[in-house]
Amino acid sequence: IENTEWENQTTITKFILLGFRNLPELQILLLLLFLVSYFVTVAGNILIFALVVGDQQLHTPMYFFLRNLSCLETCYTSTILPRILASLLTGDKTISFRGCMIQMYFFGSLGAAECYLLAAMSYDRYLAICKPLHYATLMNNRFCLLLAAGSWMSAFIAISIIVLLVSQLTFCGPNEIDHFFCDLTPVLKLSRTDTRLMELTAFIFASIFTLPPFLLTVISYIAIIATILRISSATGKQKAFSTCSSHLMVVTVFYGSLTIVYVLPKNDNLRDLNKMFSVFYTVLTPLLNPLIYSLRNREVKEGLRKGLSK
C-alpha cells in the first residue's frame, strides 16, 4: 500500500534550499560577506595561478601543486557561492533536481581532489625536508604530473558513481533541503526509498578519498617535524619550517572543519552549528588559501613584487 501511495505522488523536479532561514535579519550582511568572499577568492587564486605560471623561479613541484590547488579552489567556490548569492539577492531558494545533482557532483569531486592534492603537497614537503639529496630525482616533472592528474581524474570518476546512484532514488515527498547547498546527507534524508546501501557506498568512497590522504599528510608532517627538531641551528629550523607552515595551516583548517561537520554526531541542536562550519570549508578555506600562501610565502611575495614592478 505504501509503495502504491509513493507511485501515485508526483516525482520531485526541484528542491528548496532553506539556507540560513533562521537568520532573516542577517540576510543583507550575509549577501555582502559572501559577495566579498567570492570576489577575493577568485581574484586571489587567479593571481597566484598567474604568478606561478609567469615567474620562472616558481616553476618547482611545490608551486606546480599550488597552481593546481588555486585552480581547484576557484572552481570549488564557484560551485557553491554563485547559487547562494542568487538566493540571497532574489529570494528564490529553488534549485532543479538536475541542478542539485550537478552541484553535488562538482562539490564532491573537487572536495575529494583537494584531499589528494593536499596530500601530494605534504609528500612534496616531506621529500624536500627529509630527503633533500633525492628530492630532484624523486619529485620529477613526470611524477608531479601523475600525482596531479590522478587526484583530479580519480575524484571525478568516483563521485560520478555516487551521484548516479543518488539520481536513481525516489524523491516524491518533502523537497526542502535544510542546507545552503546540495550536500549528500540532507538530500538522502528526502528520499522515499531505503538509503542504507547508498549510505554505505558513500561512506566507503568517502573513506577512500579522505582517510588515506589524511593519514599520508599526518605521517609526512610527523616525519617533517622530527627532522626539523634534529636541526642544530635555530635559523635552519626556522627556514625549514617556513617552507611548510603555509600548507600546514591550510590542511588544519580544511580537515578541522570537515571533521566537525561529517564526523561529529548529528542532532537538531548541532544542525545550525554544522552549517556554520560548512561555511569554513566551502567559503573560508578557498578564501584563506591565497591569503596564506601570499602573505607567508617569501617566493610568492617576491614574484608578486616583480609582477607589480613590471
C-alpha atoms as a PDB file:
ATOM      1  CA  ILE A   1       0.000   0.000   0.000  1.00  0.00           C
ATOM      2  CA  GLU A   2       2.798   2.355   0.924  1.00  0.00           C
ATOM      3  CA  ASN A   3       4.599   1.719  -2.372  1.00  0.00           C
ATOM      4  CA  THR A   4       1.354   2.382  -4.259  1.00  0.00           C
ATOM      5  CA  GLU A   5       0.983   5.736  -2.484  1.00  0.00           C
ATOM      6  CA  TRP A   6       4.529   6.703  -3.488  1.00  0.00           C
ATOM      7  CA  GLU A   7       3.870   5.801  -7.122  1.00  0.00           C
ATOM      8  CA  ASN A   8       0.732   7.973  -7.145  1.00  0.00           C
ATOM      9  CA  GLN A   9       2.720  11.015  -5.957  1.00  0.00           C
ATOM     10  CA  THR A  10       4.484  13.350  -8.362  1.00  0.00           C
ATOM     11  CA  THR A  11       8.247  12.913  -8.561  1.00  0.00           C
ATOM     12  CA  ILE A  12      10.118  15.952  -7.289  1.00  0.00           C
ATOM     13  CA  THR A  13      11.543  18.135 -10.074  1.00  0.00           C
ATOM     14  CA  LYS A  14      13.057  20.827  -7.836  1.00  0.00           C
ATOM     15  CA  PHE A  15      14.316  21.275  -4.291  1.00  0.00           C
ATOM     16  CA  ILE A  16      14.169  24.216  -1.911  1.00  0.00           C
ATOM     17  CA  LEU A  17      17.459  25.158  -0.243  1.00  0.00           C
ATOM     18  CA  LEU A  18      16.457  26.553   3.148  1.00  0.00           C
ATOM     19  CA  GLY A  19      19.914  28.035   3.716  1.00  0.00           C
ATOM     20  CA  PHE A  20      20.142  30.447   6.633  1.00  0.00           C
ATOM     21  CA  ARG A  21      16.416  30.874   7.150  1.00  0.00           C
ATOM     22  CA  ASN A  22      16.909  31.188  10.925  1.00  0.00           C
ATOM     23  CA  LEU A  23      18.852  34.434  10.373  1.00  0.00           C
ATOM     24  CA  PRO A  24      16.436  36.672   8.447  1.00  0.00           C
ATOM     25  CA  GLU A  25      17.851  39.839   9.973  1.00  0.00           C
ATOM     26  CA  LEU A  26      21.334  38.993   8.651  1.00  0.00           C
ATOM     27  CA  GLN A  27      20.430  38.359   5.001  1.00  0.00           C
ATOM     28  CA  ILE A  28      21.939  41.622   3.727  1.00  0.00           C
ATOM     29  CA  LEU A  29      25.079  41.135   5.819  1.00  0.00           C
ATOM     30  CA  LEU A  30      25.436  37.559   4.550  1.00  0.00           C
ATOM     31  CA  LEU A  31      24.973  38.753   0.973  1.00  0.00           C
ATOM     32  CA  LEU A  32      27.776  41.300   1.338  1.00  0.00           C
ATOM     33  CA  LEU A  33      30.004  38.839   3.182  1.00  0.00           C
ATOM     34  CA  PHE A  34      29.612  36.105   0.567  1.00  0.00           C
ATOM     35  CA  LEU A  35      29.957  38.565  -2.314  1.00  0.00           C
ATOM     36  CA  VAL A  36      33.247  39.955  -0.980  1.00  0.00           C
ATOM     37  CA  SER A  37      34.464  36.432  -0.151  1.00  0.00           C
ATOM     38  CA  TYR A  38      33.727  35.199  -3.669  1.00  0.00           C
ATOM     39  CA  PHE A  39      35.435  38.159  -5.320  1.00  0.00           C
ATOM     40  CA  VAL A  40      38.547  37.907  -3.127  1.00  0.00           C
ATOM     41  CA  THR A  41      38.719  34.116  -3.516  1.00  0.00           C
ATOM     42  CA  VAL A  42      38.501  34.127  -7.304  1.00  0.00           C
ATOM     43  CA  ALA A  43      40.805  37.143  -7.711  1.00  0.00           C
ATOM     44  CA  GLY A  44      43.361  35.802  -5.220  1.00  0.00           C
ATOM     45  CA  ASN A  45      43.529  32.312  -6.667  1.00  0.00           C
ATOM     46  CA  ILE A  46      43.720  33.598 -10.254  1.00  0.00           C
ATOM     47  CA  LEU A  47      46.529  35.942  -9.185  1.00  0.00           C
ATOM     48  CA  ILE A  48      48.507  33.087  -7.605  1.00  0.00           C
ATOM     49  CA  PHE A  49      47.917  30.915 -10.683  1.00  0.00           C
ATOM     50  CA  ALA A  50      49.181  33.708 -12.954  1.00  0.00           C
ATOM     51  CA  LEU A  51      52.219  34.355 -10.738  1.00  0.00           C
ATOM     52  CA  VAL A  52      53.243  30.691 -10.704  1.00  0.00           C
ATOM     53  CA  VAL A  53      52.826  30.391 -14.472  1.00  0.00           C
ATOM     54  CA  GLY A  54      54.623  33.662 -15.256  1.00  0.00           C
ATOM     55  CA  ASP A  55      57.574  33.502 -12.845  1.00  0.00           C
ATOM     56  CA  GLN A  56      60.280  31.031 -13.869  1.00  0.00           C
ATOM     57  CA  GLN A  57      61.597  30.840 -10.287  1.00  0.00           C
ATOM     58  CA  LEU A  58      58.226  29.383  -9.203  1.00  0.00           C
ATOM     59  CA  HIS A  59      58.371  26.507 -11.690  1.00  0.00           C
ATOM     60  CA  THR A  60      59.029  23.936  -8.967  1.00  0.00           C
ATOM     61  CA  PRO A  61      56.974  20.925  -7.793  1.00  0.00           C
ATOM     62  CA  MET A  62      55.602  22.763  -4.752  1.00  0.00           C
ATOM     63  CA  TYR A  63      54.266  25.618  -6.865  1.00  0.00           C
ATOM     64  CA  PHE A  64      53.036  23.221  -9.531  1.00  0.00           C
ATOM     65  CA  PHE A  65      50.723  21.721  -6.902  1.00  0.00           C
ATOM     66  CA  LEU A  66      49.858  25.196  -5.627  1.00  0.00           C
ATOM     67  CA  ARG A  67      48.806  26.141  -9.156  1.00  0.00           C
ATOM     68  CA  ASN A  68      46.533  23.103  -9.270  1.00  0.00           C
ATOM     69  CA  LEU A  69      45.146  23.969  -5.838  1.00  0.00           C
ATOM     70  CA  SER A  70      44.409  27.555  -6.887  1.00  0.00           C
ATOM     71  CA  CYS A  71      42.561  26.349  -9.973  1.00  0.00           C
ATOM     72  CA  LEU A  72      40.634  23.836  -7.878  1.00  0.00           C
ATOM     73  CA  GLU A  73      39.660  26.399  -5.238  1.00  0.00           C
ATOM     74  CA  THR A  74      38.347  28.776  -7.905  1.00  0.00           C
ATOM     75  CA  CYS A  75      36.112  26.041  -9.331  1.00  0.00           C
ATOM     76  CA  TYR A  76      35.190  24.791  -5.845  1.00  0.00           C
ATOM     77  CA  THR A  77      33.897  28.108  -4.567  1.00  0.00           C
ATOM     78  CA  SER A  78      32.164  28.795  -7.914  1.00  0.00           C
ATOM     79  CA  THR A  79      30.139  25.634  -7.394  1.00  0.00           C
ATOM     80  CA  ILE A  80      28.603  26.951  -4.150  1.00  0.00           C
ATOM     81  CA  LEU A  81      28.754  30.740  -3.817  1.00  0.00           C
ATOM     82  CA  PRO A  82      27.010  31.979  -7.002  1.00  0.00           C
ATOM     83  CA  ARG A  83      23.925  29.941  -6.094  1.00  0.00           C
ATOM     84  CA  ILE A  84      23.956  31.319  -2.526  1.00  0.00           C
ATOM     85  CA  LEU A  85      24.343  34.879  -3.811  1.00  0.00           C
ATOM     86  CA  ALA A  86      21.449  34.453  -6.255  1.00  0.00           C
ATOM     87  CA  SER A  87      19.252  33.077  -3.477  1.00  0.00           C
ATOM     88  CA  LEU A  88      20.069  35.927  -1.080  1.00  0.00           C
ATOM     89  CA  LEU A  89      19.640  38.548  -3.797  1.00  0.00           C
ATOM     90  CA  THR A  90      16.367  37.345  -5.352  1.00  0.00           C
ATOM     91  CA  GLY A  91      14.855  35.315  -2.531  1.00  0.00           C
ATOM     92  CA  ASP A  92      14.448  32.355  -4.899  1.00  0.00           C
ATOM     93  CA  LYS A  93      15.666  29.313  -2.968  1.00  0.00           C
ATOM     94  CA  THR A  94      14.640  26.674  -5.511  1.00  0.00           C
ATOM     95  CA  ILE A  95      17.076  24.518  -7.438  1.00  0.00           C
ATOM     96  CA  SER A  96      16.134  21.957 -10.072  1.00  0.00           C
ATOM     97  CA  PHE A  97      16.714  18.260  -9.485  1.00  0.00           C
ATOM     98  CA  ARG A  98      19.295  18.189 -12.263  1.00  0.00           C
ATOM     99  CA  GLY A  99      20.962  21.340 -10.961  1.00  0.00           C
ATOM    100  CA  CYS A 100      21.140  19.792  -7.495  1.00  0.00           C
ATOM    101  CA  MET A 101      22.789  16.638  -8.856  1.00  0.00           C
ATOM    102  CA  ILE A 102      25.283  18.714 -10.865  1.00  0.00           C
ATOM    103  CA  GLN A 103      26.164  20.834  -7.831  1.00  0.00           C
ATOM    104  CA  MET A 104      26.571  17.704  -5.697  1.00  0.00           C
ATOM    105  CA  TYR A 105      28.810  16.145  -8.346  1.00  0.00           C
ATOM    106  CA  PHE A 106      31.214  19.056  -8.700  1.00  0.00           C
ATOM    107  CA  PHE A 107      31.254  19.787  -4.977  1.00  0.00           C
ATOM    108  CA  GLY A 108      32.098  16.164  -4.140  1.00  0.00           C
ATOM    109  CA  SER A 109      34.617  15.761  -6.963  1.00  0.00           C
ATOM    110  CA  LEU A 110      36.515  18.943  -6.191  1.00  0.00           C
ATOM    111  CA  GLY A 111      36.479  18.227  -2.442  1.00  0.00           C
ATOM    112  CA  ALA A 112      37.896  14.730  -2.984  1.00  0.00           C
ATOM    113  CA  ALA A 113      40.515  16.055  -5.401  1.00  0.00           C
ATOM    114  CA  GLU A 114      41.563  18.663  -2.830  1.00  0.00           C
ATOM    115  CA  CYS A 115      42.203  15.960  -0.225  1.00  0.00           C
ATOM    116  CA  TYR A 116      44.640  14.217  -2.551  1.00  0.00           C
ATOM    117  CA  LEU A 117      46.259  17.435  -3.767  1.00  0.00           C
ATOM    118  CA  LEU A 118      46.919  18.497  -0.169  1.00  0.00           C
ATOM    119  CA  ALA A 119      48.404  15.048   0.478  1.00  0.00           C
ATOM    120  CA  ALA A 120      50.630  15.379  -2.611  1.00  0.00           C
ATOM    121  CA  MET A 121      51.831  18.766  -1.356  1.00  0.00           C
ATOM    122  CA  SER A 122      52.631  17.318   2.070  1.00  0.00           C
ATOM    123  CA  TYR A 123      54.590  14.462   0.445  1.00  0.00           C
ATOM    124  CA  ASP A 124      56.473  17.042  -1.614  1.00  0.00           C
ATOM    125  CA  ARG A 125      57.433  18.914   1.590  1.00  0.00           C
ATOM    126  CA  TYR A 126      58.444  15.604   3.213  1.00  0.00           C
ATOM    127  CA  LEU A 127      60.858  14.801   0.386  1.00  0.00           C
ATOM    128  CA  ALA A 128      62.232  18.355   0.322  1.00  0.00           C
ATOM    129  CA  ILE A 129      62.984  18.456   4.057  1.00  0.00           C
ATOM    130  CA  CYS A 130      63.619  14.818   4.993  1.00  0.00           C
ATOM    131  CA  LYS A 131      65.308  13.580   1.790  1.00  0.00           C
ATOM    132  CA  PRO A 132      66.789  16.686   0.138  1.00  0.00           C
ATOM    133  CA  LEU A 133      69.526  14.778  -1.721  1.00  0.00           C
ATOM    134  CA  HIS A 134      66.948  12.600  -3.506  1.00  0.00           C
ATOM    135  CA  TYR A 135      64.308  15.311  -3.938  1.00  0.00           C
ATOM    136  CA  ALA A 136      65.089  16.302  -7.520  1.00  0.00           C
ATOM    137  CA  THR A 137      65.190  12.676  -8.639  1.00  0.00           C
ATOM    138  CA  LEU A 138      62.031  11.521  -6.861  1.00  0.00           C
ATOM    139  CA  MET A 139      59.845  14.598  -7.389  1.00  0.00           C
ATOM    140  CA  ASN A 140      60.430  14.959 -11.138  1.00  0.00           C
ATOM    141  CA  ASN A 141      58.037  16.541 -13.635  1.00  0.00           C
ATOM    142  CA  ARG A 142      56.530  13.222 -14.713  1.00  0.00           C
ATOM    143  CA  PHE A 143      55.783  12.141 -11.141  1.00  0.00           C
ATOM    144  CA  CYS A 144      54.236  15.540 -10.315  1.00  0.00           C
ATOM    145  CA  LEU A 145      52.007  15.317 -13.370  1.00  0.00           C
ATOM    146  CA  LEU A 146      50.914  11.792 -12.437  1.00  0.00           C
ATOM    147  CA  LEU A 147      50.046  12.856  -8.880  1.00  0.00           C
ATOM    148  CA  ALA A 148      48.024  15.849 -10.043  1.00  0.00           C
ATOM    149  CA  ALA A 149      46.249  14.000 -12.857  1.00  0.00           C
ATOM    150  CA  GLY A 150      45.487  11.067 -10.566  1.00  0.00           C
ATOM    151  CA  SER A 151      43.985  13.412  -7.965  1.00  0.00           C
ATOM    152  CA  TRP A 152      41.665  15.051 -10.483  1.00  0.00           C
ATOM    153  CA  MET A 153      40.640  12.015 -12.531  1.00  0.00           C
ATOM    154  CA  SER A 154      40.050   9.531  -9.707  1.00  0.00           C
ATOM    155  CA  ALA A 155      37.912  12.021  -7.782  1.00  0.00           C
ATOM    156  CA  PHE A 156      35.709  12.928 -10.755  1.00  0.00           C
ATOM    157  CA  ILE A 157      35.211   9.276 -11.749  1.00  0.00           C
ATOM    158  CA  ALA A 158      34.417   8.072  -8.211  1.00  0.00           C
ATOM    159  CA  ILE A 159      31.920  10.817  -7.376  1.00  0.00           C
ATOM    160  CA  SER A 160      30.100  10.223 -10.674  1.00  0.00           C
ATOM    161  CA  ILE A 161      29.189   6.774  -9.347  1.00  0.00           C
ATOM    162  CA  ILE A 162      27.774   8.253  -6.131  1.00  0.00           C
ATOM    163  CA  VAL A 163      25.719  10.901  -7.927  1.00  0.00           C
ATOM    164  CA  LEU A 164      24.424   8.360 -10.437  1.00  0.00           C
ATOM    165  CA  LEU A 165      23.184   6.161  -7.593  1.00  0.00           C
ATOM    166  CA  VAL A 166      21.573   9.126  -5.822  1.00  0.00           C
ATOM    167  CA  SER A 167      19.785  10.202  -9.008  1.00  0.00           C
ATOM    168  CA  GLN A 168      18.128   6.768  -9.178  1.00  0.00           C
ATOM    169  CA  LEU A 169      16.495   7.168  -5.745  1.00  0.00           C
ATOM    170  CA  THR A 170      12.821   8.089  -5.400  1.00  0.00           C
ATOM    171  CA  PHE A 171      12.073  11.677  -4.351  1.00  0.00           C
ATOM    172  CA  CYS A 172       8.339  12.316  -4.131  1.00  0.00           C
ATOM    173  CA  GLY A 173       7.758  13.710  -0.634  1.00  0.00           C
ATOM    174  CA  PRO A 174       9.250  16.744   1.144  1.00  0.00           C
ATOM    175  CA  ASN A 175      11.569  18.788  -1.066  1.00  0.00           C
ATOM    176  CA  GLU A 176      13.145  21.160   1.472  1.00  0.00           C
ATOM    177  CA  ILE A 177      16.898  20.692   1.929  1.00  0.00           C
ATOM    178  CA  ASP A 178      17.990  22.075   5.292  1.00  0.00           C
ATOM    179  CA  HIS A 179      21.297  23.384   3.962  1.00  0.00           C
ATOM    180  CA  PHE A 180      22.652  26.127   1.734  1.00  0.00           C
ATOM    181  CA  PHE A 181      23.829  23.706  -0.978  1.00  0.00           C
ATOM    182  CA  CYS A 182      23.070  20.189  -2.210  1.00  0.00           C
ATOM    183  CA  ASP A 183      25.127  18.103   0.173  1.00  0.00           C
ATOM    184  CA  LEU A 184      24.712  14.325   0.108  1.00  0.00           C
ATOM    185  CA  THR A 185      23.425  13.740   3.651  1.00  0.00           C
ATOM    186  CA  PRO A 186      20.498  16.229   3.673  1.00  0.00           C
ATOM    187  CA  VAL A 187      19.484  15.123   0.161  1.00  0.00           C
ATOM    188  CA  LEU A 188      19.358  11.460   1.177  1.00  0.00           C
ATOM    189  CA  LYS A 189      17.033  12.362   4.043  1.00  0.00           C
ATOM    190  CA  LEU A 190      14.394  13.375   1.484  1.00  0.00           C
ATOM    191  CA  SER A 191      14.396  10.068  -0.385  1.00  0.00           C
ATOM    192  CA  ARG A 192      11.391   7.750  -0.049  1.00  0.00           C
ATOM    193  CA  THR A 193      13.476   4.647  -0.766  1.00  0.00           C
ATOM    194  CA  ASP A 194      15.765   2.685   1.527  1.00  0.00           C
ATOM    195  CA  THR A 195      19.076   4.573   1.529  1.00  0.00           C
ATOM    196  CA  ARG A 196      21.124   2.261   3.765  1.00  0.00           C
ATOM    197  CA  LEU A 197      23.026   0.726   0.842  1.00  0.00           C
ATOM    198  CA  MET A 198      23.542   4.187  -0.636  1.00  0.00           C
ATOM    199  CA  GLU A 199      24.854   5.497   2.683  1.00  0.00           C
ATOM    200  CA  LEU A 200      27.225   2.528   2.999  1.00  0.00           C
ATOM    201  CA  THR A 201      28.528   3.101  -0.534  1.00  0.00           C
ATOM    202  CA  ALA A 202      29.011   6.804   0.157  1.00  0.00           C
ATOM    203  CA  PHE A 203      30.819   6.002   3.409  1.00  0.00           C
ATOM    204  CA  ILE A 204      33.207   3.634   1.611  1.00  0.00           C
ATOM    205  CA  PHE A 205      34.005   6.194  -1.087  1.00  0.00           C
ATOM    206  CA  ALA A 206      34.366   8.985   1.472  1.00  0.00           C
ATOM    207  CA  SER A 207      36.768   6.826   3.480  1.00  0.00           C
ATOM    208  CA  ILE A 208      38.843   6.118   0.388  1.00  0.00           C
ATOM    209  CA  PHE A 209      39.103   9.788  -0.529  1.00  0.00           C
ATOM    210  CA  THR A 210      39.670  11.252   2.925  1.00  0.00           C
ATOM    211  CA  LEU A 211      41.353   8.713   5.214  1.00  0.00           C
ATOM    212  CA  PRO A 212      44.383   7.683   3.076  1.00  0.00           C
ATOM    213  CA  PRO A 213      45.350  11.270   2.094  1.00  0.00           C
ATOM    214  CA  PHE A 214      44.745  12.439   5.664  1.00  0.00           C
ATOM    215  CA  LEU A 215      46.979   9.680   7.081  1.00  0.00           C
ATOM    216  CA  LEU A 216      49.648  10.420   4.457  1.00  0.00           C
ATOM    217  CA  THR A 217      49.542  14.091   5.420  1.00  0.00           C
ATOM    218  CA  VAL A 218      49.812  13.330   9.152  1.00  0.00           C
ATOM    219  CA  ILE A 219      52.677  10.843   8.669  1.00  0.00           C
ATOM    220  CA  SER A 220      54.513  13.297   6.401  1.00  0.00           C
ATOM    221  CA  TYR A 221      54.302  16.081   8.956  1.00  0.00           C
ATOM    222  CA  ILE A 222      55.350  13.810  11.827  1.00  0.00           C
ATOM    223  CA  ALA A 223      58.487  12.992   9.851  1.00  0.00           C
ATOM    224  CA  ILE A 224      58.971  16.660   8.880  1.00  0.00           C
ATOM    225  CA  ILE A 225      58.681  17.897  12.479  1.00  0.00           C
ATOM    226  CA  ALA A 226      61.045  15.166  13.692  1.00  0.00           C
ATOM    227  CA  THR A 227      63.602  16.175  11.053  1.00  0.00           C
ATOM    228  CA  ILE A 228      63.279  19.888  11.846  1.00  0.00           C
ATOM    229  CA  LEU A 229      63.806  19.240  15.570  1.00  0.00           C
ATOM    230  CA  ARG A 230      67.107  17.495  14.768  1.00  0.00           C
ATOM    231  CA  ILE A 231      68.444  20.590  13.007  1.00  0.00           C
ATOM    232  CA  SER A 232      71.005  22.195  15.287  1.00  0.00           C
ATOM    233  CA  SER A 233      70.715  25.871  14.323  1.00  0.00           C
ATOM    234  CA  ALA A 234      67.664  27.982  15.088  1.00  0.00           C
ATOM    235  CA  THR A 235      67.955  29.661  11.686  1.00  0.00           C
ATOM    236  CA  GLY A 236      67.906  26.289   9.936  1.00  0.00           C
ATOM    237  CA  LYS A 237      64.834  25.206  11.876  1.00  0.00           C
ATOM    238  CA  GLN A 238      63.005  28.413  11.040  1.00  0.00           C
ATOM    239  CA  LYS A 239      63.897  28.188   7.356  1.00  0.00           C
ATOM    240  CA  ALA A 240      62.798  24.551   7.124  1.00  0.00           C
ATOM    241  CA  PHE A 241      59.516  25.157   8.934  1.00  0.00           C
ATOM    242  CA  SER A 242      58.717  28.260   6.850  1.00  0.00           C
ATOM    243  CA  THR A 243      58.634  26.126   3.696  1.00  0.00           C
ATOM    244  CA  CYS A 244      55.707  24.055   5.015  1.00  0.00           C
ATOM    245  CA  SER A 245      53.931  26.311   7.543  1.00  0.00           C
ATOM    246  CA  SER A 246      51.511  27.758   4.961  1.00  0.00           C
ATOM    247  CA  HIS A 247      50.468  24.320   3.763  1.00  0.00           C
ATOM    248  CA  LEU A 248      50.099  23.090   7.345  1.00  0.00           C
ATOM    249  CA  MET A 249      47.723  25.959   8.158  1.00  0.00           C
ATOM    250  CA  VAL A 250      45.562  25.190   5.105  1.00  0.00           C
ATOM    251  CA  VAL A 251      45.440  21.470   5.956  1.00  0.00           C
ATOM    252  CA  THR A 252      44.468  22.207   9.570  1.00  0.00           C
ATOM    253  CA  VAL A 253      41.569  24.484   8.593  1.00  0.00           C
ATOM    254  CA  PHE A 254      40.336  22.133   5.845  1.00  0.00           C
ATOM    255  CA  TYR A 255      40.401  18.851   7.780  1.00  0.00           C
ATOM    256  CA  GLY A 256      39.341  20.501  11.038  1.00  0.00           C
ATOM    257  CA  SER A 257      36.109  21.820   9.538  1.00  0.00           C
ATOM    258  CA  LEU A 258      35.464  18.547   7.657  1.00  0.00           C
ATOM    259  CA  THR A 259      35.819  16.581  10.893  1.00  0.00           C
ATOM    260  CA  ILE A 260      33.378  18.807  12.764  1.00  0.00           C
ATOM    261  CA  VAL A 261      30.742  18.654  10.009  1.00  0.00           C
ATOM    262  CA  TYR A 262      30.925  14.999   8.937  1.00  0.00           C
ATOM    263  CA  VAL A 263      32.353  13.061  11.882  1.00  0.00           C
ATOM    264  CA  LEU A 264      30.680  14.545  14.959  1.00  0.00           C
ATOM    265  CA  PRO A 265      27.229  13.171  15.892  1.00  0.00           C
ATOM    266  CA  LYS A 266      24.259  14.659  14.023  1.00  0.00           C
ATOM    267  CA  ASN A 267      21.370  16.107  16.014  1.00  0.00           C
ATOM    268  CA  ASP A 268      18.983  19.040  15.781  1.00  0.00           C
ATOM    269  CA  ASN A 269      20.939  21.113  18.292  1.00  0.00           C
ATOM    270  CA  LEU A 270      24.109  20.944  16.186  1.00  0.00           C
ATOM    271  CA  ARG A 271      22.392  21.437  12.806  1.00  0.00           C
ATOM    272  CA  ASP A 272      22.920  25.203  12.647  1.00  0.00           C
ATOM    273  CA  LEU A 273      26.438  24.799  14.037  1.00  0.00           C
ATOM    274  CA  ASN A 274      27.241  22.297  11.281  1.00  0.00           C
ATOM    275  CA  LYS A 275      26.013  24.814   8.713  1.00  0.00           C
ATOM    276  CA  MET A 276      28.384  27.429  10.078  1.00  0.00           C
ATOM    277  CA  PHE A 277      31.336  25.026   9.956  1.00  0.00           C
ATOM    278  CA  SER A 278      30.299  24.060   6.425  1.00  0.00           C
ATOM    279  CA  VAL A 279      30.967  27.695   5.555  1.00  0.00           C
ATOM    280  CA  PHE A 280      34.588  27.140   6.667  1.00  0.00           C
ATOM    281  CA  TYR A 281      35.460  24.518   4.069  1.00  0.00           C
ATOM    282  CA  THR A 282      33.169  25.783   1.287  1.00  0.00           C
ATOM    283  CA  VAL A 283      33.826  29.526   1.608  1.00  0.00           C
ATOM    284  CA  LEU A 284      36.598  30.425   4.048  1.00  0.00           C
ATOM    285  CA  THR A 285      39.154  27.750   3.100  1.00  0.00           C
ATOM    286  CA  PRO A 286      39.230  28.789  -0.595  1.00  0.00           C
ATOM    287  CA  LEU A 287      39.405  32.397   0.627  1.00  0.00           C
ATOM    288  CA  LEU A 288      42.242  31.768   3.082  1.00  0.00           C
ATOM    289  CA  ASN A 289      44.434  29.765   0.701  1.00  0.00           C
ATOM    290  CA  PRO A 290      45.605  32.665  -1.490  1.00  0.00           C
ATOM    291  CA  LEU A 291      45.969  34.908   1.557  1.00  0.00           C
ATOM    292  CA  ILE A 292      48.028  32.347   3.494  1.00  0.00           C
ATOM    293  CA  TYR A 293      50.284  31.439   0.577  1.00  0.00           C
ATOM    294  CA  SER A 294      50.825  35.056  -0.480  1.00  0.00           C
ATOM    295  CA  LEU A 295      51.354  36.594   2.962  1.00  0.00           C
ATOM    296  CA  ARG A 296      53.500  33.822   4.470  1.00  0.00           C
ATOM    297  CA  ASN A 297      55.483  32.749   1.411  1.00  0.00           C
ATOM    298  CA  ARG A 298      58.613  34.688   0.541  1.00  0.00           C
ATOM    299  CA  GLU A 299      58.848  33.406  -3.049  1.00  0.00           C
ATOM    300  CA  VAL A 300      55.237  34.312  -3.821  1.00  0.00           C
ATOM    301  CA  LYS A 301      55.649  37.788  -2.308  1.00  0.00           C
ATOM    302  CA  GLU A 302      58.820  38.290  -4.338  1.00  0.00           C
ATOM    303  CA  GLY A 303      57.059  37.147  -7.512  1.00  0.00           C
ATOM    304  CA  LEU A 304      54.166  39.492  -6.778  1.00  0.00           C
ATOM    305  CA  ARG A 305      56.584  42.367  -6.213  1.00  0.00           C
ATOM    306  CA  LYS A 306      58.322  41.723  -9.537  1.00  0.00           C
ATOM    307  CA  GLY A 307      54.996  41.400 -11.302  1.00  0.00           C
ATOM    308  CA  LEU A 308      53.768  44.719  -9.951  1.00  0.00           C
ATOM    309  CA  SER A 309      57.033  46.433 -10.861  1.00  0.00           C
ATOM    310  CA  LYS A 310      56.600  45.254 -14.465  1.00  0.00           C
END
